[in-house]
Amino acid sequence: MTTITIANKLVELLREKKILEAQQQLFATDAINQEPDMYKEKSVAGLEAMIQKEKRFLLYIKKWNHFEVSEPLVSKDHFSIRMITDVTMVNNDNVVIDEVIVYEVREGKIVKEQFFY
């Protein structure tokens, strides 16, 4: 798959909140997830670790208040999206994350995702 094909498919799946499916379909088994240093959930390596990390986050969501994913901005081997997530957690805390995510693609799979927020 080309970078633009992967980018469009990722946006489509994310907009449907099919986050785990997106990871399983589009990410390399040795992909890297890189969070900002200040984030309590640390960066992980490997698709299995990324899926487990996402499952932990999704488990604590009580209600989706707003979720928005931009169109991708695509170059040869990279693309980025802006994602706004507003959720109520099971402890009733409201969490709003406004982030830019940069993805690196190699050999038809996403090999790195880096979050900026």
PDB file of N, CA and C in Angstrom:
ATOM      1  N   MET A   1       0.839  -1.189   0.000  1.00  0.00           N
ATOM      2  CA  MET A   1       0.000   0.000   0.000  1.00  0.00           C
ATOM      3  C   MET A   1       0.880   1.247   0.000  1.00  0.00           C
ATOM      4  N   THR A   2       0.402   2.267  -0.664  1.00  0.00           N
ATOM      5  CA  THR A   2       1.126   3.530  -0.690  1.00  0.00           C
ATOM      6  C   THR A   2       0.849   4.319   0.582  1.00  0.00           C
ATOM      7  N   THR A   3       1.658   5.317   0.821  1.00  0.00           N
ATOM      8  CA  THR A   3       1.482   6.155   2.009  1.00  0.00           C
ATOM      9  C   THR A   3       0.114   6.812   2.016  1.00  0.00           C
ATOM     10  N   ILE A   4      -0.326   7.329   0.889  1.00  0.00           N
ATOM     11  CA  ILE A   4      -1.631   7.998   0.850  1.00  0.00           C
ATOM     12  C   ILE A   4      -2.776   7.005   1.071  1.00  0.00           C
ATOM     13  N   THR A   5      -2.638   5.792   0.560  1.00  0.00           N
ATOM     14  CA  THR A   5      -3.657   4.757   0.783  1.00  0.00           C
ATOM     15  C   THR A   5      -3.744   4.411   2.270  1.00  0.00           C
ATOM     16  N   ILE A   6      -2.593   4.245   2.895  1.00  0.00           N
ATOM     17  CA  ILE A   6      -2.553   3.937   4.325  1.00  0.00           C
ATOM     18  C   ILE A   6      -3.144   5.089   5.129  1.00  0.00           C
ATOM     19  N   ALA A   7      -2.758   6.314   4.784  1.00  0.00           N
ATOM     20  CA  ALA A   7      -3.252   7.491   5.504  1.00  0.00           C
ATOM     21  C   ALA A   7      -4.776   7.582   5.419  1.00  0.00           C
ATOM     22  N   ASN A   8      -5.316   7.421   4.228  1.00  0.00           N
ATOM     23  CA  ASN A   8      -6.769   7.505   4.066  1.00  0.00           C
ATOM     24  C   ASN A   8      -7.501   6.382   4.792  1.00  0.00           C
ATOM     25  N   LYS A   9      -6.945   5.180   4.761  1.00  0.00           N
ATOM     26  CA  LYS A   9      -7.565   4.052   5.455  1.00  0.00           C
ATOM     27  C   LYS A   9      -7.520   4.272   6.972  1.00  0.00           C
ATOM     28  N   LEU A  10      -6.399   4.784   7.474  1.00  0.00           N
ATOM     29  CA  LEU A  10      -6.300   5.052   8.909  1.00  0.00           C
ATOM     30  C   LEU A  10      -7.351   6.079   9.334  1.00  0.00           C
ATOM     31  N   VAL A  11      -7.467   7.164   8.588  1.00  0.00           N
ATOM     32  CA  VAL A  11      -8.459   8.194   8.916  1.00  0.00           C
ATOM     33  C   VAL A  11      -9.869   7.603   8.898  1.00  0.00           C
ATOM     34  N   GLU A  12     -10.169   6.793   7.895  1.00  0.00           N
ATOM     35  CA  GLU A  12     -11.487   6.162   7.801  1.00  0.00           C
ATOM     36  C   GLU A  12     -11.782   5.308   9.038  1.00  0.00           C
ATOM     37  N   LEU A  13     -10.836   4.459   9.429  1.00  0.00           N
ATOM     38  CA  LEU A  13     -11.037   3.585  10.583  1.00  0.00           C
ATOM     39  C   LEU A  13     -11.113   4.375  11.891  1.00  0.00           C
ATOM     40  N   LEU A  14     -10.261   5.372  12.040  1.00  0.00           N
ATOM     41  CA  LEU A  14     -10.296   6.180  13.257  1.00  0.00           C
ATOM     42  C   LEU A  14     -11.625   6.907  13.399  1.00  0.00           C
ATOM     43  N   ARG A  15     -12.137   7.459  12.309  1.00  0.00           N
ATOM     44  CA  ARG A  15     -13.415   8.176  12.370  1.00  0.00           C
ATOM     45  C   ARG A  15     -14.556   7.254  12.794  1.00  0.00           C
ATOM     46  N   GLU A  16     -14.413   5.967  12.534  1.00  0.00           N
ATOM     47  CA  GLU A  16     -15.401   4.971  12.970  1.00  0.00           C
ATOM     48  C   GLU A  16     -15.060   4.431  14.366  1.00  0.00           C
ATOM     49  N   LYS A  17     -14.034   5.005  14.988  1.00  0.00           N
ATOM     50  CA  LYS A  17     -13.516   4.575  16.297  1.00  0.00           C
ATOM     51  C   LYS A  17     -13.049   3.114  16.275  1.00  0.00           C
ATOM     52  N   LYS A  18     -12.582   2.661  15.128  1.00  0.00           N
ATOM     53  CA  LYS A  18     -12.038   1.311  14.989  1.00  0.00           C
ATOM     54  C   LYS A  18     -10.515   1.375  15.149  1.00  0.00           C
ATOM     55  N   ILE A  19     -10.108   1.807  16.327  1.00  0.00           N
ATOM     56  CA  ILE A  19      -8.702   2.081  16.594  1.00  0.00           C
ATOM     57  C   ILE A  19      -7.872   0.798  16.608  1.00  0.00           C
ATOM     58  N   LEU A  20      -8.372  -0.217  17.288  1.00  0.00           N
ATOM     59  CA  LEU A  20      -7.636  -1.483  17.353  1.00  0.00           C
ATOM     60  C   LEU A  20      -7.545  -2.142  15.975  1.00  0.00           C
ATOM     61  N   GLU A  21      -8.621  -2.062  15.206  1.00  0.00           N
ATOM     62  CA  GLU A  21      -8.612  -2.622  13.853  1.00  0.00           C
ATOM     63  C   GLU A  21      -7.583  -1.899  12.992  1.00  0.00           C
ATOM     64  N   ALA A  22      -7.489  -0.584  13.163  1.00  0.00           N
ATOM     65  CA  ALA A  22      -6.513   0.195  12.401  1.00  0.00           C
ATOM     66  C   ALA A  22      -5.098  -0.260  12.727  1.00  0.00           C
ATOM     67  N   GLN A  23      -4.824  -0.450  13.998  1.00  0.00           N
ATOM     68  CA  GLN A  23      -3.495  -0.917  14.385  1.00  0.00           C
ATOM     69  C   GLN A  23      -3.204  -2.288  13.785  1.00  0.00           C
ATOM     70  N   GLN A  24      -4.161  -3.205  13.905  1.00  0.00           N
ATOM     71  CA  GLN A  24      -3.950  -4.564  13.415  1.00  0.00           C
ATOM     72  C   GLN A  24      -3.754  -4.609  11.900  1.00  0.00           C
ATOM     73  N   GLN A  25      -4.478  -3.771  11.175  1.00  0.00           N
ATOM     74  CA  GLN A  25      -4.414  -3.795   9.713  1.00  0.00           C
ATOM     75  C   GLN A  25      -3.238  -3.023   9.127  1.00  0.00           C
ATOM     76  N   LEU A  26      -2.873  -1.906   9.753  1.00  0.00           N
ATOM     77  CA  LEU A  26      -1.981  -0.957   9.090  1.00  0.00           C
ATOM     78  C   LEU A  26      -0.585  -0.827   9.691  1.00  0.00           C
ATOM     79  N   PHE A  27      -0.369  -1.373  10.878  1.00  0.00           N
ATOM     80  CA  PHE A  27       0.913  -1.188  11.564  1.00  0.00           C
ATOM     81  C   PHE A  27       1.812  -2.409  11.408  1.00  0.00           C
ATOM     82  N   ALA A  28       3.106  -2.155  11.318  1.00  0.00           N
ATOM     83  CA  ALA A  28       4.109  -3.220  11.266  1.00  0.00           C
ATOM     84  C   ALA A  28       4.226  -3.868  12.651  1.00  0.00           C
ATOM     85  N   THR A  29       4.629  -5.119  12.683  1.00  0.00           N
ATOM     86  CA  THR A  29       4.746  -5.830  13.963  1.00  0.00           C
ATOM     87  C   THR A  29       5.797  -5.204  14.874  1.00  0.00           C
ATOM     88  N   ASP A  30       6.773  -4.506  14.300  1.00  0.00           N
ATOM     89  CA  ASP A  30       7.825  -3.864  15.102  1.00  0.00           C
ATOM     90  C   ASP A  30       7.642  -2.342  15.186  1.00  0.00           C
ATOM     91  N   ALA A  31       6.418  -1.867  14.992  1.00  0.00           N
ATOM     92  CA  ALA A  31       6.139  -0.430  15.018  1.00  0.00           C
ATOM     93  C   ALA A  31       6.470   0.174  16.381  1.00  0.00           C
ATOM     94  N   ILE A  32       6.697   1.480  16.367  1.00  0.00           N
ATOM     95  CA  ILE A  32       7.035   2.235  17.577  1.00  0.00           C
ATOM     96  C   ILE A  32       5.961   3.285  17.820  1.00  0.00           C
ATOM     97  N   ASN A  33       5.578   3.427  19.071  1.00  0.00           N
ATOM     98  CA  ASN A  33       4.619   4.439  19.515  1.00  0.00           C
ATOM     99  C   ASN A  33       5.397   5.394  20.404  1.00  0.00           C
ATOM    100  N   GLN A  34       5.483   6.665  20.013  1.00  0.00           N
ATOM    101  CA  GLN A  34       6.277   7.632  20.770  1.00  0.00           C
ATOM    102  C   GLN A  34       5.401   8.745  21.331  1.00  0.00           C
ATOM    103  N   GLU A  35       5.336   8.809  22.647  1.00  0.00           N
ATOM    104  CA  GLU A  35       4.555   9.826  23.361  1.00  0.00           C
ATOM    105  C   GLU A  35       5.471  10.973  23.774  1.00  0.00           C
ATOM    106  N   PRO A  36       4.891  12.146  24.039  1.00  0.00           N
ATOM    107  CA  PRO A  36       5.698  13.228  24.611  1.00  0.00           C
ATOM    108  C   PRO A  36       6.247  12.806  25.980  1.00  0.00           C
ATOM    109  N   ASP A  37       7.394  13.323  26.342  1.00  0.00           N
ATOM    110  CA  ASP A  37       8.045  12.936  27.598  1.00  0.00           C
ATOM    111  C   ASP A  37       7.160  13.160  28.820  1.00  0.00           C
ATOM    112  N   MET A  38       6.309  14.178  28.772  1.00  0.00           N
ATOM    113  CA  MET A  38       5.481  14.519  29.934  1.00  0.00           C
ATOM    114  C   MET A  38       4.295  13.571  30.132  1.00  0.00           C
ATOM    115  N   TYR A  39       3.977  12.749  29.143  1.00  0.00           N
ATOM    116  CA  TYR A  39       2.802  11.896  29.210  1.00  0.00           C
ATOM    117  C   TYR A  39       3.050  10.730  30.151  1.00  0.00           C
ATOM    118  N   LYS A  40       2.070  10.417  30.995  1.00  0.00           N
ATOM    119  CA  LYS A  40       2.272   9.354  31.991  1.00  0.00           C
ATOM    120  C   LYS A  40       2.385   7.966  31.367  1.00  0.00           C
ATOM    121  N   GLU A  41       1.679   7.716  30.263  1.00  0.00           N
ATOM    122  CA  GLU A  41       1.780   6.423  29.567  1.00  0.00           C
ATOM    123  C   GLU A  41       2.971   6.522  28.631  1.00  0.00           C
ATOM    124  N   LYS A  42       3.978   5.750  28.889  1.00  0.00           N
ATOM    125  CA  LYS A  42       5.233   5.877  28.151  1.00  0.00           C
ATOM    126  C   LYS A  42       5.158   5.279  26.747  1.00  0.00           C
ATOM    127  N   SER A  43       6.147   5.622  25.968  1.00  0.00           N
ATOM    128  CA  SER A  43       6.281   5.094  24.622  1.00  0.00           C
ATOM    129  C   SER A  43       6.477   3.584  24.686  1.00  0.00           C
ATOM    130  N   VAL A  44       5.998   2.898  23.652  1.00  0.00           N
ATOM    131  CA  VAL A  44       6.159   1.448  23.596  1.00  0.00           C
ATOM    132  C   VAL A  44       6.635   1.045  22.203  1.00  0.00           C
ATOM    133  N   ALA A  45       7.208  -0.141  22.121  1.00  0.00           N
ATOM    134  CA  ALA A  45       7.668  -0.687  20.852  1.00  0.00           C
ATOM    135  C   ALA A  45       7.006  -2.035  20.627  1.00  0.00           C
ATOM    136  N   GLY A  46       6.617  -2.279  19.388  1.00  0.00           N
ATOM    137  CA  GLY A  46       5.985  -3.537  19.025  1.00  0.00           C
ATOM    138  C   GLY A  46       4.476  -3.414  18.969  1.00  0.00           C
ATOM    139  N   LEU A  47       3.899  -3.985  17.955  1.00  0.00           N
ATOM    140  CA  LEU A  47       2.457  -3.882  17.733  1.00  0.00           C
ATOM    141  C   LEU A  47       1.655  -4.432  18.900  1.00  0.00           C
ATOM    142  N   GLU A  48       2.066  -5.549  19.455  1.00  0.00           N
ATOM    143  CA  GLU A  48       1.317  -6.147  20.577  1.00  0.00           C
ATOM    144  C   GLU A  48       1.271  -5.192  21.763  1.00  0.00           C
ATOM    145  N   ALA A  49       2.398  -4.557  22.078  1.00  0.00           N
ATOM    146  CA  ALA A  49       2.446  -3.591  23.183  1.00  0.00           C
ATOM    147  C   ALA A  49       1.575  -2.377  22.876  1.00  0.00           C
ATOM    148  N   MET A  50       1.551  -1.948  21.625  1.00  0.00           N
ATOM    149  CA  MET A  50       0.719  -0.810  21.228  1.00  0.00           C
ATOM    150  C   MET A  50      -0.768  -1.142  21.384  1.00  0.00           C
ATOM    151  N   ILE A  51      -1.142  -2.334  20.984  1.00  0.00           N
ATOM    152  CA  ILE A  51      -2.546  -2.757  21.105  1.00  0.00           C
ATOM    153  C   ILE A  51      -2.948  -2.840  22.571  1.00  0.00           C
ATOM    154  N   GLN A  52      -2.092  -3.401  23.410  1.00  0.00           N
ATOM    155  CA  GLN A  52      -2.402  -3.500  24.843  1.00  0.00           C
ATOM    156  C   GLN A  52      -2.534  -2.113  25.470  1.00  0.00           C
ATOM    157  N   LYS A  53      -1.679  -1.199  25.074  1.00  0.00           N
ATOM    158  CA  LYS A  53      -1.743   0.178  25.581  1.00  0.00           C
ATOM    159  C   LYS A  53      -3.067   0.827  25.188  1.00  0.00           C
ATOM    160  N   GLU A  54      -3.478   0.651  23.952  1.00  0.00           N
ATOM    161  CA  GLU A  54      -4.734   1.224  23.469  1.00  0.00           C
ATOM    162  C   GLU A  54      -5.928   0.588  24.170  1.00  0.00           C
ATOM    163  N   LYS A  55      -5.891  -0.709  24.376  1.00  0.00           N
ATOM    164  CA  LYS A  55      -6.976  -1.398  25.089  1.00  0.00           C
ATOM    165  C   LYS A  55      -7.143  -0.838  26.499  1.00  0.00           C
ATOM    166  N   ARG A  56      -6.014  -0.564  27.174  1.00  0.00           N
ATOM    167  CA  ARG A  56      -6.085   0.006  28.533  1.00  0.00           C
ATOM    168  C   ARG A  56      -6.785   1.361  28.505  1.00  0.00           C
ATOM    169  N   PHE A  57      -6.432   2.199  27.537  1.00  0.00           N
ATOM    170  CA  PHE A  57      -7.049   3.523  27.437  1.00  0.00           C
ATOM    171  C   PHE A  57      -8.545   3.398  27.138  1.00  0.00           C
ATOM    172  N   LEU A  58      -8.900   2.569  26.169  1.00  0.00           N
ATOM    173  CA  LEU A  58     -10.306   2.420  25.770  1.00  0.00           C
ATOM    174  C   LEU A  58     -11.162   1.838  26.899  1.00  0.00           C
ATOM    175  N   LEU A  59     -10.570   0.998  27.709  1.00  0.00           N
ATOM    176  CA  LEU A  59     -11.282   0.375  28.824  1.00  0.00           C
ATOM    177  C   LEU A  59     -11.809   1.411  29.822  1.00  0.00           C
ATOM    178  N   TYR A  60     -11.112   2.522  29.941  1.00  0.00           N
ATOM    179  CA  TYR A  60     -11.477   3.539  30.926  1.00  0.00           C
ATOM    180  C   TYR A  60     -12.374   4.640  30.376  1.00  0.00           C
ATOM    181  N   ILE A  61     -12.777   4.532  29.114  1.00  0.00           N
ATOM    182  CA  ILE A  61     -13.681   5.530  28.547  1.00  0.00           C
ATOM    183  C   ILE A  61     -15.122   5.141  28.849  1.00  0.00           C
ATOM    184  N   LYS A  62     -15.818   6.051  29.495  1.00  0.00           N
ATOM    185  CA  LYS A  62     -17.234   5.860  29.811  1.00  0.00           C
ATOM    186  C   LYS A  62     -18.107   6.415  28.681  1.00  0.00           C
ATOM    187  N   LYS A  63     -17.714   7.580  28.136  1.00  0.00           N
ATOM    188  CA  LYS A  63     -18.533   8.236  27.114  1.00  0.00           C
ATOM    189  C   LYS A  63     -17.649   9.057  26.185  1.00  0.00           C
ATOM    190  N   TRP A  64     -17.927   8.932  24.879  1.00  0.00           N
ATOM    191  CA  TRP A  64     -17.267   9.766  23.883  1.00  0.00           C
ATOM    192  C   TRP A  64     -18.109  11.040  23.723  1.00  0.00           C
ATOM    193  N   ASN A  65     -17.552  12.183  24.088  1.00  0.00           N
ATOM    194  CA  ASN A  65     -18.267  13.452  23.958  1.00  0.00           C
ATOM    195  C   ASN A  65     -18.065  14.075  22.580  1.00  0.00           C
ATOM    196  N   HIS A  66     -16.836  13.980  22.101  1.00  0.00           N
ATOM    197  CA  HIS A  66     -16.500  14.525  20.776  1.00  0.00           C
ATOM    198  C   HIS A  66     -15.251  13.811  20.286  1.00  0.00           C
ATOM    199  N   PHE A  67     -15.231  13.499  19.006  1.00  0.00           N
ATOM    200  CA  PHE A  67     -14.064  12.845  18.411  1.00  0.00           C
ATOM    201  C   PHE A  67     -13.956  13.317  16.982  1.00  0.00           C
ATOM    202  N   GLU A  68     -12.820  13.876  16.639  1.00  0.00           N
ATOM    203  CA  GLU A  68     -12.634  14.472  15.317  1.00  0.00           C
ATOM    204  C   GLU A  68     -11.260  14.100  14.785  1.00  0.00           C
ATOM    205  N   VAL A  69     -11.215  13.678  13.530  1.00  0.00           N
ATOM    206  CA  VAL A  69      -9.961  13.324  12.874  1.00  0.00           C
ATOM    207  C   VAL A  69      -9.888  14.102  11.559  1.00  0.00           C
ATOM    208  N   SER A  70      -8.805  14.837  11.378  1.00  0.00           N
ATOM    209  CA  SER A  70      -8.635  15.650  10.176  1.00  0.00           C
ATOM    210  C   SER A  70      -8.321  14.784   8.956  1.00  0.00           C
ATOM    211  N   GLU A  71      -8.335  15.410   7.818  1.00  0.00           N
ATOM    212  CA  GLU A  71      -7.810  14.777   6.617  1.00  0.00           C
ATOM    213  C   GLU A  71      -6.294  14.666   6.788  1.00  0.00           C
ATOM    214  N   PRO A  72      -5.661  13.678   6.193  1.00  0.00           N
ATOM    215  CA  PRO A  72      -4.213  13.535   6.347  1.00  0.00           C
ATOM    216  C   PRO A  72      -3.437  14.520   5.462  1.00  0.00           C
ATOM    217  N   LEU A  73      -2.285  14.913   5.958  1.00  0.00           N
ATOM    218  CA  LEU A  73      -1.307  15.676   5.187  1.00  0.00           C
ATOM    219  C   LEU A  73      -0.196  14.690   4.865  1.00  0.00           C
ATOM    220  N   VAL A  74       0.014  14.407   3.573  1.00  0.00           N
ATOM    221  CA  VAL A  74       0.839  13.261   3.166  1.00  0.00           C
ATOM    222  C   VAL A  74       2.069  13.703   2.384  1.00  0.00           C
ATOM    223  N   SER A  75       3.218  13.102   2.725  1.00  0.00           N
ATOM    224  CA  SER A  75       4.436  13.231   1.932  1.00  0.00           C
ATOM    225  C   SER A  75       4.839  11.823   1.488  1.00  0.00           C
ATOM    226  N   LYS A  76       6.047  11.666   1.004  1.00  0.00           N
ATOM    227  CA  LYS A  76       6.464  10.378   0.448  1.00  0.00           C
ATOM    228  C   LYS A  76       6.339   9.221   1.450  1.00  0.00           C
ATOM    229  N   ASP A  77       6.975   9.355   2.598  1.00  0.00           N
ATOM    230  CA  ASP A  77       7.004   8.272   3.581  1.00  0.00           C
ATOM    231  C   ASP A  77       6.404   8.656   4.932  1.00  0.00           C
ATOM    232  N   HIS A  78       5.756   9.806   5.004  1.00  0.00           N
ATOM    233  CA  HIS A  78       5.180  10.287   6.259  1.00  0.00           C
ATOM    234  C   HIS A  78       3.817  10.903   6.001  1.00  0.00           C
ATOM    235  N   PHE A  79       2.993  10.912   7.033  1.00  0.00           N
ATOM    236  CA  PHE A  79       1.760  11.687   6.992  1.00  0.00           C
ATOM    237  C   PHE A  79       1.404  12.096   8.405  1.00  0.00           C
ATOM    238  N   SER A  80       0.556  13.106   8.498  1.00  0.00           N
ATOM    239  CA  SER A  80       0.133  13.564   9.814  1.00  0.00           C
ATOM    240  C   SER A  80      -1.364  13.815   9.812  1.00  0.00           C
ATOM    241  N   ILE A  81      -1.930  13.750  11.007  1.00  0.00           N
ATOM    242  CA  ILE A  81      -3.341  14.082  11.201  1.00  0.00           C
ATOM    243  C   ILE A  81      -3.455  14.883  12.491  1.00  0.00           C
ATOM    244  N   ARG A  82      -4.526  15.633  12.586  1.00  0.00           N
ATOM    245  CA  ARG A  82      -4.889  16.262  13.852  1.00  0.00           C
ATOM    246  C   ARG A  82      -6.078  15.488  14.385  1.00  0.00           C
ATOM    247  N   MET A  83      -6.019  15.151  15.672  1.00  0.00           N
ATOM    248  CA  MET A  83      -7.103  14.401  16.277  1.00  0.00           C
ATOM    249  C   MET A  83      -7.508  15.097  17.578  1.00  0.00           C
ATOM    250  N   ILE A  84      -8.805  15.307  17.733  1.00  0.00           N
ATOM    251  CA  ILE A  84      -9.345  15.893  18.953  1.00  0.00           C
ATOM    252  C   ILE A  84     -10.239  14.850  19.608  1.00  0.00           C
ATOM    253  N   THR A  85      -9.900  14.498  20.827  1.00  0.00           N
ATOM    254  CA  THR A  85     -10.641  13.494  21.585  1.00  0.00           C
ATOM    255  C   THR A  85     -11.147  14.138  22.872  1.00  0.00           C
ATOM    256  N   ASP A  86     -12.440  14.075  23.083  1.00  0.00           N
ATOM    257  CA  ASP A  86     -13.061  14.575  24.316  1.00  0.00           C
ATOM    258  C   ASP A  86     -13.891  13.426  24.866  1.00  0.00           C
ATOM    259  N   VAL A  87     -13.445  12.881  26.007  1.00  0.00           N
ATOM    260  CA  VAL A  87     -14.119  11.726  26.589  1.00  0.00           C
ATOM    261  C   VAL A  87     -14.356  11.930  28.080  1.00  0.00           C
ATOM    262  N   THR A  88     -15.366  11.239  28.575  1.00  0.00           N
ATOM    263  CA  THR A  88     -15.591  11.131  30.014  1.00  0.00           C
ATOM    264  C   THR A  88     -15.099   9.754  30.421  1.00  0.00           C
ATOM    265  N   MET A  89     -14.215   9.744  31.405  1.00  0.00           N
ATOM    266  CA  MET A  89     -13.625   8.496  31.857  1.00  0.00           C
ATOM    267  C   MET A  89     -14.552   7.835  32.876  1.00  0.00           C
ATOM    268  N   VAL A  90     -14.303   6.571  33.205  1.00  0.00           N
ATOM    269  CA  VAL A  90     -15.156   5.847  34.145  1.00  0.00           C
ATOM    270  C   VAL A  90     -15.173   6.485  35.530  1.00  0.00           C
ATOM    271  N   ASN A  91     -14.130   7.251  35.876  1.00  0.00           N
ATOM    272  CA  ASN A  91     -14.111   7.959  37.160  1.00  0.00           C
ATOM    273  C   ASN A  91     -14.782   9.329  37.059  1.00  0.00           C
ATOM    274  N   ASN A  92     -15.434   9.592  35.918  1.00  0.00           N
ATOM    275  CA  ASN A  92     -16.151  10.833  35.599  1.00  0.00           C
ATOM    276  C   ASN A  92     -15.254  12.031  35.326  1.00  0.00           C
ATOM    277  N   ASP A  93     -13.947  11.845  35.237  1.00  0.00           N
ATOM    278  CA  ASP A  93     -13.069  12.924  34.783  1.00  0.00           C
ATOM    279  C   ASP A  93     -13.292  13.149  33.300  1.00  0.00           C
ATOM    280  N   ASN A  94     -13.245  14.401  32.882  1.00  0.00           N
ATOM    281  CA  ASN A  94     -13.338  14.731  31.472  1.00  0.00           C
ATOM    282  C   ASN A  94     -11.915  14.920  30.949  1.00  0.00           C
ATOM    283  N   VAL A  95     -11.588  14.256  29.872  1.00  0.00           N
ATOM    284  CA  VAL A  95     -10.260  14.344  29.282  1.00  0.00           C
ATOM    285  C   VAL A  95     -10.409  14.848  27.850  1.00  0.00           C
ATOM    286  N   VAL A  96      -9.676  15.928  27.537  1.00  0.00           N
ATOM    287  CA  VAL A  96      -9.663  16.467  26.182  1.00  0.00           C
ATOM    288  C   VAL A  96      -8.217  16.439  25.701  1.00  0.00           C
ATOM    289  N   ILE A  97      -8.009  15.792  24.557  1.00  0.00           N
ATOM    290  CA  ILE A  97      -6.678  15.709  23.966  1.00  0.00           C
ATOM    291  C   ILE A  97      -6.766  16.282  22.550  1.00  0.00           C
ATOM    292  N   ASP A  98      -6.011  17.334  22.308  1.00  0.00           N
ATOM    293  CA  ASP A  98      -5.911  17.953  20.981  1.00  0.00           C
ATOM    294  C   ASP A  98      -4.484  17.699  20.528  1.00  0.00           C
ATOM    295  N   GLU A  99      -4.322  16.830  19.547  1.00  0.00           N
ATOM    296  CA  GLU A  99      -2.984  16.368  19.193  1.00  0.00           C
ATOM    297  C   GLU A  99      -2.753  16.327  17.696  1.00  0.00           C
ATOM    298  N   VAL A 100      -1.476  16.391  17.351  1.00  0.00           N
ATOM    299  CA  VAL A 100      -1.017  16.121  15.999  1.00  0.00           C
ATOM    300  C   VAL A 100      -0.235  14.826  16.087  1.00  0.00           C
ATOM    301  N   ILE A 101      -0.511  13.925  15.157  1.00  0.00           N
ATOM    302  CA  ILE A 101       0.177  12.635  15.141  1.00  0.00           C
ATOM    303  C   ILE A 101       0.901  12.512  13.808  1.00  0.00           C
ATOM    304  N   VAL A 102       2.179  12.204  13.867  1.00  0.00           N
ATOM    305  CA  VAL A 102       2.995  12.016  12.668  1.00  0.00           C
ATOM    306  C   VAL A 102       3.305  10.533  12.537  1.00  0.00           C
ATOM    307  N   TYR A 103       3.041  10.006  11.361  1.00  0.00           N
ATOM    308  CA  TYR A 103       3.254   8.586  11.078  1.00  0.00           C
ATOM    309  C   TYR A 103       4.360   8.423  10.052  1.00  0.00           C
ATOM    310  N   GLU A 104       5.154   7.377  10.212  1.00  0.00           N
ATOM    311  CA  GLU A 104       6.167   7.005   9.229  1.00  0.00           C
ATOM    312  C   GLU A 104       5.772   5.672   8.616  1.00  0.00           C
ATOM    313  N   VAL A 105       5.863   5.597   7.292  1.00  0.00           N
ATOM    314  CA  VAL A 105       5.474   4.396   6.555  1.00  0.00           C
ATOM    315  C   VAL A 105       6.700   3.813   5.857  1.00  0.00           C
ATOM    316  N   ARG A 106       6.826   2.497   5.976  1.00  0.00           N
ATOM    317  CA  ARG A 106       7.899   1.788   5.287  1.00  0.00           C
ATOM    318  C   ARG A 106       7.360   0.440   4.833  1.00  0.00           C
ATOM    319  N   GLU A 107       7.602   0.098   3.591  1.00  0.00           N
ATOM    320  CA  GLU A 107       7.195  -1.190   3.022  1.00  0.00           C
ATOM    321  C   GLU A 107       5.711  -1.488   3.233  1.00  0.00           C
ATOM    322  N   GLY A 108       4.881  -0.457   3.057  1.00  0.00           N
ATOM    323  CA  GLY A 108       3.438  -0.645   3.091  1.00  0.00           C
ATOM    324  C   GLY A 108       2.810  -0.758   4.465  1.00  0.00           C
ATOM    325  N   LYS A 109       3.549  -0.415   5.517  1.00  0.00           N
ATOM    326  CA  LYS A 109       3.025  -0.467   6.885  1.00  0.00           C
ATOM    327  C   LYS A 109       3.488   0.761   7.666  1.00  0.00           C
ATOM    328  N   ILE A 110       2.712   1.129   8.677  1.00  0.00           N
ATOM    329  CA  ILE A 110       3.124   2.199   9.579  1.00  0.00           C
ATOM    330  C   ILE A 110       4.159   1.623  10.536  1.00  0.00           C
ATOM    331  N   VAL A 111       5.342   2.257  10.594  1.00  0.00           N
ATOM    332  CA  VAL A 111       6.407   1.764  11.462  1.00  0.00           C
ATOM    333  C   VAL A 111       6.621   2.648  12.688  1.00  0.00           C
ATOM    334  N   LYS A 112       6.056   3.860  12.651  1.00  0.00           N
ATOM    335  CA  LYS A 112       6.194   4.758  13.800  1.00  0.00           C
ATOM    336  C   LYS A 112       5.039   5.729  13.851  1.00  0.00           C
ATOM    337  N   GLU A 113       4.551   5.962  15.067  1.00  0.00           N
ATOM    338  CA  GLU A 113       3.595   7.035  15.293  1.00  0.00           C
ATOM    339  C   GLU A 113       4.128   7.879  16.427  1.00  0.00           C
ATOM    340  N   GLN A 114       4.145   9.202  16.221  1.00  0.00           N
ATOM    341  CA  GLN A 114       4.650  10.109  17.224  1.00  0.00           C
ATOM    342  C   GLN A 114       3.594  11.164  17.523  1.00  0.00           C
ATOM    343  N   PHE A 115       3.289  11.321  18.803  1.00  0.00           N
ATOM    344  CA  PHE A 115       2.226  12.212  19.251  1.00  0.00           C
ATOM    345  C   PHE A 115       2.781  13.537  19.738  1.00  0.00           C
ATOM    346  N   PHE A 116       2.115  14.629  19.356  1.00  0.00           N
ATOM    347  CA  PHE A 116       2.460  15.976  19.807  1.00  0.00           C
ATOM    348  C   PHE A 116       1.215  16.616  20.381  1.00  0.00           C
ATOM    349  N   TYR A 117       1.247  16.933  21.669  1.00  0.00           N
ATOM    350  CA  TYR A 117       0.152  17.644  22.316  1.00  0.00           C
ATOM    351  C   TYR A 117       0.631  18.293  23.589  1.00  0.00           C
TER     352      TYR A 117
END
